[in-house]
Amino acid sequence: MPDTTSYAVFLFPQALEALGDAIRPYLSDAPSGQHIVCASIDASGAYFEMTLQGTDAKGEPTELELRIPHAMVKLIMSLHDDHPFGFQARKE
């Protein structure tokens, strides 16, 4: 099975505050902070574009595109495969 890549996009606290209720449904929590998990990103245009995958009310697959100003993006991390995202202490 090929490795699936997705992205964790972290926004500045001021961006989260400015976007408010509109962005909350798309945020995921992890020990490293709130972020948006995206199937793909595009930073080449006038806005930073994120494509999210999910399901609609009927359970059918659907995609959603979010576009925000580039200045709202704090960090982008590439995630590989479908393991839960987060940090924990290493076991030796």
PDB file of N, CA and C in Angstrom:
ATOM      1  N   MET A   1       0.850  -1.178   0.000  1.00  0.00           N
ATOM      2  CA  MET A   1       0.000   0.000   0.000  1.00  0.00           C
ATOM      3  C   MET A   1       0.891   1.235   0.000  1.00  0.00           C
ATOM      4  N   PRO A   2       0.636   2.194  -0.897  1.00  0.00           N
ATOM      5  CA  PRO A   2       1.467   3.396  -0.933  1.00  0.00           C
ATOM      6  C   PRO A   2       1.264   4.247   0.308  1.00  0.00           C
ATOM      7  N   ASP A   3       2.322   4.957   0.647  1.00  0.00           N
ATOM      8  CA  ASP A   3       2.298   5.857   1.789  1.00  0.00           C
ATOM      9  C   ASP A   3       1.373   7.039   1.483  1.00  0.00           C
ATOM     10  N   THR A   4       0.431   7.318   2.365  1.00  0.00           N
ATOM     11  CA  THR A   4      -0.479   8.444   2.177  1.00  0.00           C
ATOM     12  C   THR A   4       0.105   9.672   2.850  1.00  0.00           C
ATOM     13  N   THR A   5       0.171  10.765   2.115  1.00  0.00           N
ATOM     14  CA  THR A   5       0.698  12.000   2.670  1.00  0.00           C
ATOM     15  C   THR A   5      -0.438  12.982   2.899  1.00  0.00           C
ATOM     16  N   SER A   6      -0.448  13.574   4.059  1.00  0.00           N
ATOM     17  CA  SER A   6      -1.354  14.680   4.339  1.00  0.00           C
ATOM     18  C   SER A   6      -0.530  15.743   5.058  1.00  0.00           C
ATOM     19  N   TYR A   7      -1.147  16.850   5.342  1.00  0.00           N
ATOM     20  CA  TYR A   7      -0.431  17.986   5.916  1.00  0.00           C
ATOM     21  C   TYR A   7      -1.157  18.491   7.154  1.00  0.00           C
ATOM     22  N   ALA A   8      -0.385  18.855   8.155  1.00  0.00           N
ATOM     23  CA  ALA A   8      -0.917  19.524   9.333  1.00  0.00           C
ATOM     24  C   ALA A   8      -0.541  20.993   9.195  1.00  0.00           C
ATOM     25  N   VAL A   9      -1.536  21.848   9.096  1.00  0.00           N
ATOM     26  CA  VAL A   9      -1.310  23.285   8.932  1.00  0.00           C
ATOM     27  C   VAL A   9      -1.647  23.972  10.250  1.00  0.00           C
ATOM     28  N   PHE A  10      -0.648  24.609  10.841  1.00  0.00           N
ATOM     29  CA  PHE A  10      -0.811  25.342  12.086  1.00  0.00           C
ATOM     30  C   PHE A  10      -0.961  26.825  11.757  1.00  0.00           C
ATOM     31  N   LEU A  11      -1.920  27.471  12.391  1.00  0.00           N
ATOM     32  CA  LEU A  11      -2.156  28.902  12.183  1.00  0.00           C
ATOM     33  C   LEU A  11      -1.700  29.672  13.408  1.00  0.00           C
ATOM     34  N   PHE A  12      -1.373  30.947  13.197  1.00  0.00           N
ATOM     35  CA  PHE A  12      -1.025  31.820  14.304  1.00  0.00           C
ATOM     36  C   PHE A  12      -2.246  32.006  15.210  1.00  0.00           C
ATOM     37  N   PRO A  13      -2.037  32.194  16.516  1.00  0.00           N
ATOM     38  CA  PRO A  13      -3.168  32.402  17.430  1.00  0.00           C
ATOM     39  C   PRO A  13      -4.090  33.544  16.993  1.00  0.00           C
ATOM     40  N   GLN A  14      -3.507  34.616  16.458  1.00  0.00           N
ATOM     41  CA  GLN A  14      -4.315  35.749  15.995  1.00  0.00           C
ATOM     42  C   GLN A  14      -5.204  35.342  14.821  1.00  0.00           C
ATOM     43  N   ALA A  15      -4.721  34.416  13.978  1.00  0.00           N
ATOM     44  CA  ALA A  15      -5.519  33.936  12.850  1.00  0.00           C
ATOM     45  C   ALA A  15      -6.696  33.105  13.354  1.00  0.00           C
ATOM     46  N   LEU A  16      -6.428  32.231  14.335  1.00  0.00           N
ATOM     47  CA  LEU A  16      -7.514  31.428  14.911  1.00  0.00           C
ATOM     48  C   LEU A  16      -8.578  32.323  15.530  1.00  0.00           C
ATOM     49  N   GLU A  17      -8.127  33.374  16.197  1.00  0.00           N
ATOM     50  CA  GLU A  17      -9.065  34.313  16.805  1.00  0.00           C
ATOM     51  C   GLU A  17      -9.866  35.066  15.749  1.00  0.00           C
ATOM     52  N   ALA A  18      -9.193  35.524  14.695  1.00  0.00           N
ATOM     53  CA  ALA A  18      -9.867  36.283  13.634  1.00  0.00           C
ATOM     54  C   ALA A  18     -10.867  35.418  12.868  1.00  0.00           C
ATOM     55  N   LEU A  19     -10.525  34.163  12.617  1.00  0.00           N
ATOM     56  CA  LEU A  19     -11.408  33.273  11.866  1.00  0.00           C
ATOM     57  C   LEU A  19     -12.541  32.723  12.731  1.00  0.00           C
ATOM     58  N   GLY A  20     -12.301  32.627  14.041  1.00  0.00           N
ATOM     59  CA  GLY A  20     -13.342  32.280  15.009  1.00  0.00           C
ATOM     60  C   GLY A  20     -14.115  31.022  14.703  1.00  0.00           C
ATOM     61  N   ASP A  21     -15.444  31.114  14.795  1.00  0.00           N
ATOM     62  CA  ASP A  21     -16.332  29.962  14.619  1.00  0.00           C
ATOM     63  C   ASP A  21     -16.250  29.352  13.221  1.00  0.00           C
ATOM     64  N   ALA A  22     -15.855  30.136  12.229  1.00  0.00           N
ATOM     65  CA  ALA A  22     -15.801  29.628  10.859  1.00  0.00           C
ATOM     66  C   ALA A  22     -14.743  28.533  10.694  1.00  0.00           C
ATOM     67  N   ILE A  23     -13.649  28.596  11.458  1.00  0.00           N
ATOM     68  CA  ILE A  23     -12.561  27.629  11.300  1.00  0.00           C
ATOM     69  C   ILE A  23     -12.639  26.485  12.304  1.00  0.00           C
ATOM     70  N   ARG A  24     -13.345  26.655  13.406  1.00  0.00           N
ATOM     71  CA  ARG A  24     -13.367  25.655  14.488  1.00  0.00           C
ATOM     72  C   ARG A  24     -13.742  24.236  14.052  1.00  0.00           C
ATOM     73  N   PRO A  25     -14.721  24.035  13.172  1.00  0.00           N
ATOM     74  CA  PRO A  25     -15.074  22.656  12.791  1.00  0.00           C
ATOM     75  C   PRO A  25     -13.938  21.906  12.079  1.00  0.00           C
ATOM     76  N   TYR A  26     -12.961  22.615  11.564  1.00  0.00           N
ATOM     77  CA  TYR A  26     -11.893  21.996  10.786  1.00  0.00           C
ATOM     78  C   TYR A  26     -10.610  21.799  11.585  1.00  0.00           C
ATOM     79  N   LEU A  27     -10.601  22.200  12.844  1.00  0.00           N
ATOM     80  CA  LEU A  27      -9.409  22.093  13.680  1.00  0.00           C
ATOM     81  C   LEU A  27      -9.330  20.732  14.353  1.00  0.00           C
ATOM     82  N   SER A  28      -8.127  20.204  14.406  1.00  0.00           N
ATOM     83  CA  SER A  28      -7.836  18.979  15.148  1.00  0.00           C
ATOM     84  C   SER A  28      -6.928  19.350  16.307  1.00  0.00           C
ATOM     85  N   ASP A  29      -7.073  18.639  17.415  1.00  0.00           N
ATOM     86  CA  ASP A  29      -6.235  18.882  18.579  1.00  0.00           C
ATOM     87  C   ASP A  29      -5.147  17.824  18.668  1.00  0.00           C
ATOM     88  N   ALA A  30      -3.981  18.240  19.115  1.00  0.00           N
ATOM     89  CA  ALA A  30      -2.852  17.346  19.379  1.00  0.00           C
ATOM     90  C   ALA A  30      -2.020  18.002  20.461  1.00  0.00           C
ATOM     91  N   PRO A  31      -1.152  17.239  21.107  1.00  0.00           N
ATOM     92  CA  PRO A  31      -0.293  17.858  22.124  1.00  0.00           C
ATOM     93  C   PRO A  31       0.518  19.035  21.585  1.00  0.00           C
ATOM     94  N   SER A  32       0.777  19.033  20.281  1.00  0.00           N
ATOM     95  CA  SER A  32       1.555  20.119  19.682  1.00  0.00           C
ATOM     96  C   SER A  32       0.709  21.339  19.334  1.00  0.00           C
ATOM     97  N   GLY A  33      -0.614  21.258  19.491  1.00  0.00           N
ATOM     98  CA  GLY A  33      -1.490  22.395  19.242  1.00  0.00           C
ATOM     99  C   GLY A  33      -2.572  22.109  18.222  1.00  0.00           C
ATOM    100  N   GLN A  34      -3.477  23.069  18.092  1.00  0.00           N
ATOM    101  CA  GLN A  34      -4.566  22.936  17.126  1.00  0.00           C
ATOM    102  C   GLN A  34      -4.010  23.107  15.719  1.00  0.00           C
ATOM    103  N   HIS A  35      -4.528  22.319  14.790  1.00  0.00           N
ATOM    104  CA  HIS A  35      -4.074  22.368  13.411  1.00  0.00           C
ATOM    105  C   HIS A  35      -5.188  21.881  12.492  1.00  0.00           C
ATOM    106  N   ILE A  36      -5.000  22.080  11.204  1.00  0.00           N
ATOM    107  CA  ILE A  36      -5.939  21.621  10.189  1.00  0.00           C
ATOM    108  C   ILE A  36      -5.249  20.515   9.407  1.00  0.00           C
ATOM    109  N   VAL A  37      -5.869  19.342   9.318  1.00  0.00           N
ATOM    110  CA  VAL A  37      -5.309  18.239   8.543  1.00  0.00           C
ATOM    111  C   VAL A  37      -5.853  18.344   7.124  1.00  0.00           C
ATOM    112  N   CYS A  38      -4.942  18.436   6.155  1.00  0.00           N
ATOM    113  CA  CYS A  38      -5.312  18.646   4.757  1.00  0.00           C
ATOM    114  C   CYS A  38      -4.803  17.511   3.883  1.00  0.00           C
ATOM    115  N   ALA A  39      -5.558  17.193   2.843  1.00  0.00           N
ATOM    116  CA  ALA A  39      -5.122  16.198   1.861  1.00  0.00           C
ATOM    117  C   ALA A  39      -4.095  16.808   0.928  1.00  0.00           C
ATOM    118  N   SER A  40      -4.241  18.098   0.624  1.00  0.00           N
ATOM    119  CA  SER A  40      -3.273  18.795  -0.225  1.00  0.00           C
ATOM    120  C   SER A  40      -3.283  20.274   0.116  1.00  0.00           C
ATOM    121  N   ILE A  41      -2.180  20.932  -0.229  1.00  0.00           N
ATOM    122  CA  ILE A  41      -2.052  22.373  -0.011  1.00  0.00           C
ATOM    123  C   ILE A  41      -1.482  23.008  -1.269  1.00  0.00           C
ATOM    124  N   ASP A  42      -1.756  24.283  -1.447  1.00  0.00           N
ATOM    125  CA  ASP A  42      -1.197  25.046  -2.568  1.00  0.00           C
ATOM    126  C   ASP A  42      -0.903  26.447  -2.063  1.00  0.00           C
ATOM    127  N   ALA A  43       0.368  26.778  -2.011  1.00  0.00           N
ATOM    128  CA  ALA A  43       0.785  28.093  -1.518  1.00  0.00           C
ATOM    129  C   ALA A  43       1.215  29.011  -2.649  1.00  0.00           C
ATOM    130  N   SER A  44       0.925  28.649  -3.888  1.00  0.00           N
ATOM    131  CA  SER A  44       1.431  29.425  -5.021  1.00  0.00           C
ATOM    132  C   SER A  44       0.533  30.583  -5.441  1.00  0.00           C
ATOM    133  N   GLY A  45      -0.693  30.624  -4.980  1.00  0.00           N
ATOM    134  CA  GLY A  45      -1.616  31.667  -5.418  1.00  0.00           C
ATOM    135  C   GLY A  45      -1.675  32.850  -4.474  1.00  0.00           C
ATOM    136  N   ALA A  46      -2.676  33.672  -4.677  1.00  0.00           N
ATOM    137  CA  ALA A  46      -2.865  34.856  -3.839  1.00  0.00           C
ATOM    138  C   ALA A  46      -3.234  34.469  -2.409  1.00  0.00           C
ATOM    139  N   TYR A  47      -3.861  33.308  -2.242  1.00  0.00           N
ATOM    140  CA  TYR A  47      -4.231  32.798  -0.928  1.00  0.00           C
ATOM    141  C   TYR A  47      -3.607  31.421  -0.725  1.00  0.00           C
ATOM    142  N   PHE A  48      -3.463  31.034   0.525  1.00  0.00           N
ATOM    143  CA  PHE A  48      -2.991  29.695   0.881  1.00  0.00           C
ATOM    144  C   PHE A  48      -4.207  28.776   0.804  1.00  0.00           C
ATOM    145  N   GLU A  49      -4.144  27.771  -0.058  1.00  0.00           N
ATOM    146  CA  GLU A  49      -5.289  26.900  -0.297  1.00  0.00           C
ATOM    147  C   GLU A  49      -5.076  25.533   0.344  1.00  0.00           C
ATOM    148  N   MET A  50      -6.099  25.059   1.046  1.00  0.00           N
ATOM    149  CA  MET A  50      -6.064  23.751   1.694  1.00  0.00           C
ATOM    150  C   MET A  50      -7.251  22.935   1.202  1.00  0.00           C
ATOM    151  N   THR A  51      -7.010  21.688   0.830  1.00  0.00           N
ATOM    152  CA  THR A  51      -8.076  20.782   0.435  1.00  0.00           C
ATOM    153  C   THR A  51      -8.243  19.741   1.531  1.00  0.00           C
ATOM    154  N   LEU A  52      -9.444  19.681   2.094  1.00  0.00           N
ATOM    155  CA  LEU A  52      -9.766  18.745   3.173  1.00  0.00           C
ATOM    156  C   LEU A  52     -10.691  17.678   2.631  1.00  0.00           C
ATOM    157  N   GLN A  53     -10.513  16.441   3.082  1.00  0.00           N
ATOM    158  CA  GLN A  53     -11.383  15.347   2.682  1.00  0.00           C
ATOM    159  C   GLN A  53     -12.237  14.927   3.862  1.00  0.00           C
ATOM    160  N   GLY A  54     -13.475  14.591   3.580  1.00  0.00           N
ATOM    161  CA  GLY A  54     -14.394  14.170   4.627  1.00  0.00           C
ATOM    162  C   GLY A  54     -15.571  13.440   4.034  1.00  0.00           C
ATOM    163  N   THR A  55     -16.656  13.387   4.776  1.00  0.00           N
ATOM    164  CA  THR A  55     -17.879  12.751   4.294  1.00  0.00           C
ATOM    165  C   THR A  55     -19.048  13.707   4.491  1.00  0.00           C
ATOM    166  N   ASP A  56     -20.017  13.616   3.605  1.00  0.00           N
ATOM    167  CA  ASP A  56     -21.196  14.468   3.715  1.00  0.00           C
ATOM    168  C   ASP A  56     -22.229  13.805   4.628  1.00  0.00           C
ATOM    169  N   ALA A  57     -23.410  14.394   4.718  1.00  0.00           N
ATOM    170  CA  ALA A  57     -24.459  13.893   5.607  1.00  0.00           C
ATOM    171  C   ALA A  57     -24.908  12.479   5.233  1.00  0.00           C
ATOM    172  N   LYS A  58     -24.735  12.090   3.964  1.00  0.00           N
ATOM    173  CA  LYS A  58     -25.126  10.751   3.509  1.00  0.00           C
ATOM    174  C   LYS A  58     -23.987   9.747   3.640  1.00  0.00           C
ATOM    175  N   GLY A  59     -22.843  10.188   4.129  1.00  0.00           N
ATOM    176  CA  GLY A  59     -21.691   9.306   4.267  1.00  0.00           C
ATOM    177  C   GLY A  59     -20.852   9.184   3.016  1.00  0.00           C
ATOM    178  N   GLU A  60     -21.156   9.996   2.017  1.00  0.00           N
ATOM    179  CA  GLU A  60     -20.403   9.982   0.765  1.00  0.00           C
ATOM    180  C   GLU A  60     -19.130  10.816   0.906  1.00  0.00           C
ATOM    181  N   PRO A  61     -18.029  10.396   0.251  1.00  0.00           N
ATOM    182  CA  PRO A  61     -16.798  11.183   0.313  1.00  0.00           C
ATOM    183  C   PRO A  61     -17.001  12.560  -0.326  1.00  0.00           C
ATOM    184  N   THR A  62     -16.383  13.553   0.268  1.00  0.00           N
ATOM    185  CA  THR A  62     -16.485  14.914  -0.247  1.00  0.00           C
ATOM    186  C   THR A  62     -15.187  15.662   0.018  1.00  0.00           C
ATOM    187  N   GLU A  63     -14.981  16.733  -0.712  1.00  0.00           N
ATOM    188  CA  GLU A  63     -13.807  17.586  -0.513  1.00  0.00           C
ATOM    189  C   GLU A  63     -14.257  19.001  -0.212  1.00  0.00           C
ATOM    190  N   LEU A  64     -13.442  19.692   0.546  1.00  0.00           N
ATOM    191  CA  LEU A  64     -13.703  21.076   0.900  1.00  0.00           C
ATOM    192  C   LEU A  64     -12.421  21.854   0.676  1.00  0.00           C
ATOM    193  N   GLU A  65     -12.521  23.016   0.062  1.00  0.00           N
ATOM    194  CA  GLU A  65     -11.353  23.875  -0.123  1.00  0.00           C
ATOM    195  C   GLU A  65     -11.474  25.085   0.786  1.00  0.00           C
ATOM    196  N   LEU A  66     -10.421  25.331   1.546  1.00  0.00           N
ATOM    197  CA  LEU A  66     -10.326  26.524   2.386  1.00  0.00           C
ATOM    198  C   LEU A  66      -9.207  27.390   1.854  1.00  0.00           C
ATOM    199  N   ARG A  67      -9.438  28.683   1.787  1.00  0.00           N
ATOM    200  CA  ARG A  67      -8.405  29.638   1.350  1.00  0.00           C
ATOM    201  C   ARG A  67      -8.292  30.732   2.392  1.00  0.00           C
ATOM    202  N   ILE A  68      -7.059  30.939   2.835  1.00  0.00           N
ATOM    203  CA  ILE A  68      -6.789  31.967   3.843  1.00  0.00           C
ATOM    204  C   ILE A  68      -5.572  32.774   3.412  1.00  0.00           C
ATOM    205  N   PRO A  69      -5.390  33.973   3.949  1.00  0.00           N
ATOM    206  CA  PRO A  69      -4.178  34.739   3.633  1.00  0.00           C
ATOM    207  C   PRO A  69      -2.927  33.995   4.106  1.00  0.00           C
ATOM    208  N   HIS A  70      -1.860  34.082   3.323  1.00  0.00           N
ATOM    209  CA  HIS A  70      -0.596  33.419   3.646  1.00  0.00           C
ATOM    210  C   HIS A  70      -0.084  33.812   5.035  1.00  0.00           C
ATOM    211  N   ALA A  71      -0.295  35.035   5.443  1.00  0.00           N
ATOM    212  CA  ALA A  71       0.242  35.534   6.715  1.00  0.00           C
ATOM    213  C   ALA A  71      -0.367  34.830   7.924  1.00  0.00           C
ATOM    214  N   MET A  72      -1.463  34.102   7.747  1.00  0.00           N
ATOM    215  CA  MET A  72      -2.095  33.386   8.861  1.00  0.00           C
ATOM    216  C   MET A  72      -1.406  32.056   9.161  1.00  0.00           C
ATOM    217  N   VAL A  73      -0.611  31.543   8.217  1.00  0.00           N
ATOM    218  CA  VAL A  73       0.012  30.230   8.351  1.00  0.00           C
ATOM    219  C   VAL A  73       1.305  30.336   9.153  1.00  0.00           C
ATOM    220  N   LYS A  74       1.365  29.562  10.225  1.00  0.00           N
ATOM    221  CA  LYS A  74       2.538  29.550  11.106  1.00  0.00           C
ATOM    222  C   LYS A  74       3.511  28.436  10.724  1.00  0.00           C
ATOM    223  N   LEU A  75       2.986  27.243  10.420  1.00  0.00           N
ATOM    224  CA  LEU A  75       3.823  26.068  10.184  1.00  0.00           C
ATOM    225  C   LEU A  75       3.042  25.034   9.392  1.00  0.00           C
ATOM    226  N   ILE A  76       3.748  24.330   8.508  1.00  0.00           N
ATOM    227  CA  ILE A  76       3.161  23.221   7.756  1.00  0.00           C
ATOM    228  C   ILE A  76       4.021  21.997   8.010  1.00  0.00           C
ATOM    229  N   MET A  77       3.381  20.903   8.392  1.00  0.00           N
ATOM    230  CA  MET A  77       4.102  19.650   8.614  1.00  0.00           C
ATOM    231  C   MET A  77       3.525  18.586   7.693  1.00  0.00           C
ATOM    232  N   SER A  78       4.405  17.810   7.081  1.00  0.00           N
ATOM    233  CA  SER A  78       3.987  16.705   6.236  1.00  0.00           C
ATOM    234  C   SER A  78       3.765  15.485   7.119  1.00  0.00           C
ATOM    235  N   LEU A  79       2.603  14.847   6.972  1.00  0.00           N
ATOM    236  CA  LEU A  79       2.259  13.649   7.742  1.00  0.00           C
ATOM    237  C   LEU A  79       2.223  12.464   6.792  1.00  0.00           C
ATOM    238  N   HIS A  80       2.805  11.344   7.208  1.00  0.00           N
ATOM    239  CA  HIS A  80       2.809  10.154   6.360  1.00  0.00           C
ATOM    240  C   HIS A  80       2.024   9.042   7.032  1.00  0.00           C
ATOM    241  N   ASP A  81       1.285   8.295   6.277  1.00  0.00           N
ATOM    242  CA  ASP A  81       0.329   7.253   6.628  1.00  0.00           C
ATOM    243  C   ASP A  81      -0.733   7.763   7.571  1.00  0.00           C
ATOM    244  N   ASP A  82      -1.572   6.880   8.050  1.00  0.00           N
ATOM    245  CA  ASP A  82      -2.751   7.338   8.783  1.00  0.00           C
ATOM    246  C   ASP A  82      -2.637   7.150  10.296  1.00  0.00           C
ATOM    247  N   HIS A  83      -1.431   7.184  10.852  1.00  0.00           N
ATOM    248  CA  HIS A  83      -1.268   7.098  12.295  1.00  0.00           C
ATOM    249  C   HIS A  83      -1.697   8.407  12.938  1.00  0.00           C
ATOM    250  N   PRO A  84      -2.174   8.343  14.175  1.00  0.00           N
ATOM    251  CA  PRO A  84      -2.555   9.579  14.868  1.00  0.00           C
ATOM    252  C   PRO A  84      -1.373  10.531  14.955  1.00  0.00           C
ATOM    253  N   PHE A  85      -1.659  11.807  14.880  1.00  0.00           N
ATOM    254  CA  PHE A  85      -0.623  12.827  14.898  1.00  0.00           C
ATOM    255  C   PHE A  85      -0.443  13.355  16.305  1.00  0.00           C
ATOM    256  N   GLY A  86       0.801  13.498  16.713  1.00  0.00           N
ATOM    257  CA  GLY A  86       1.095  14.052  18.027  1.00  0.00           C
ATOM    258  C   GLY A  86       2.497  13.674  18.453  1.00  0.00           C
ATOM    259  N   PHE A  87       2.925  14.183  19.557  1.00  0.00           N
ATOM    260  CA  PHE A  87       4.258  13.901  20.064  1.00  0.00           C
ATOM    261  C   PHE A  87       4.131  13.222  21.406  1.00  0.00           C
ATOM    262  N   GLN A  88       5.033  12.321  21.680  1.00  0.00           N
ATOM    263  CA  GLN A  88       5.056  11.662  22.974  1.00  0.00           C
ATOM    264  C   GLN A  88       6.498  11.312  23.312  1.00  0.00           C
ATOM    265  N   ALA A  89       6.740  10.995  24.568  1.00  0.00           N
ATOM    266  CA  ALA A  89       8.087  10.643  25.012  1.00  0.00           C
ATOM    267  C   ALA A  89       8.532   9.343  24.355  1.00  0.00           C
ATOM    268  N   ARG A  90       9.804   9.285  23.974  1.00  0.00           N
ATOM    269  CA  ARG A  90      10.352   8.080  23.373  1.00  0.00           C
ATOM    270  C   ARG A  90      10.541   7.017  24.428  1.00  0.00           C
ATOM    271  N   LYS A  91      10.254   5.791  24.052  1.00  0.00           N
ATOM    272  CA  LYS A  91      10.473   4.661  24.946  1.00  0.00           C
ATOM    273  C   LYS A  91      11.801   4.017  24.558  1.00  0.00           C
ATOM    274  N   GLU A  92      12.657   3.813  25.525  1.00  0.00           N
ATOM    275  CA  GLU A  92      13.962   3.225  25.211  1.00  0.00           C
ATOM    276  C   GLU A  92      14.095   1.862  25.813  1.00  0.00           C
TER     277      GLU A  92
END
